[in-house]
Protein backbone atom coordinates (compact mmCIF):
# COMPACT_ATOMS: atom_id res chain seq x y z
CA UNK A 1 8.94 3.57 4.89
CA UNK A 2 10.40 1.09 2.60
CA UNK A 3 10.21 -2.71 2.22
CA UNK A 4 12.04 -4.39 5.05
CA UNK A 5 11.74 -1.54 7.61
CA UNK A 6 10.78 -2.63 11.12
CA UNK A 7 7.63 -0.87 12.28
CA UNK A 8 5.35 -0.55 15.27
CA UNK A 9 1.57 0.04 15.21
CA UNK A 10 0.97 3.34 17.08
CA UNK A 11 -2.34 2.37 18.81
CA UNK A 12 -2.23 -1.50 18.96
CA UNK A 13 1.38 -1.77 19.84
CA UNK A 14 2.30 -4.80 17.70
CA UNK A 15 5.50 -4.80 15.63
CA UNK A 16 6.18 -6.07 12.16
CA UNK A 17 8.21 -5.66 8.95
CA UNK A 18 7.13 -3.61 5.95
CA UNK A 19 6.40 -6.17 3.15
CA UNK A 20 5.57 -3.64 0.42
CA UNK A 21 4.57 -0.06 -0.05
CA UNK A 22 2.32 0.13 -3.10
CA UNK A 23 2.84 3.41 -5.08
CA UNK A 24 -0.80 3.86 -5.99
CA UNK A 25 -1.80 3.49 -2.30
CA UNK A 26 0.87 5.76 -0.89
CA UNK A 27 -1.11 6.24 2.34
CA UNK A 28 -0.87 2.55 3.20
CA UNK A 29 1.80 -0.21 3.55
CA UNK A 30 1.62 -3.99 3.61
CA UNK A 31 3.02 -5.16 6.89
CA UNK A 32 3.91 -8.69 8.06
CA UNK A 33 3.26 -8.67 11.81
CA UNK A 34 5.92 -10.35 13.92
CA UNK A 35 5.03 -13.80 15.20
CA UNK A 36 1.93 -13.94 12.98
CA UNK A 37 1.08 -17.36 11.49
CA UNK A 38 -0.93 -15.59 8.77
CA UNK A 39 1.08 -15.87 5.51
CA UNK A 40 -0.41 -12.71 4.02
CA UNK A 41 0.59 -9.19 5.07
CA UNK A 42 -1.96 -6.71 6.39
CA UNK A 43 -2.65 -3.43 4.80
CA UNK A 44 -2.09 -0.67 7.40
CA UNK A 45 -2.46 3.13 7.01
CA UNK A 46 0.99 4.79 7.22
CA UNK A 47 -0.50 7.14 9.90
CA UNK A 48 -0.89 4.13 12.22
CA UNK A 49 2.76 3.11 11.83
CA UNK A 50 5.99 4.35 13.35
CA UNK A 51 9.59 3.14 13.01
CA UNK A 52 10.54 0.42 15.40
CA UNK A 53 14.31 0.99 15.06
């Protein structure tokens, strides 16, 4: 997954856009949930994400 990819959370069902994939934390990605008023992305394990395309 790369920055800008649309993703869906496998268990919670929400969707969002990948904000950043930090190289030193390759098992996680920063995700901006769709419709969230929170200005900061959430760190989510890659195992919990799937492509929303």
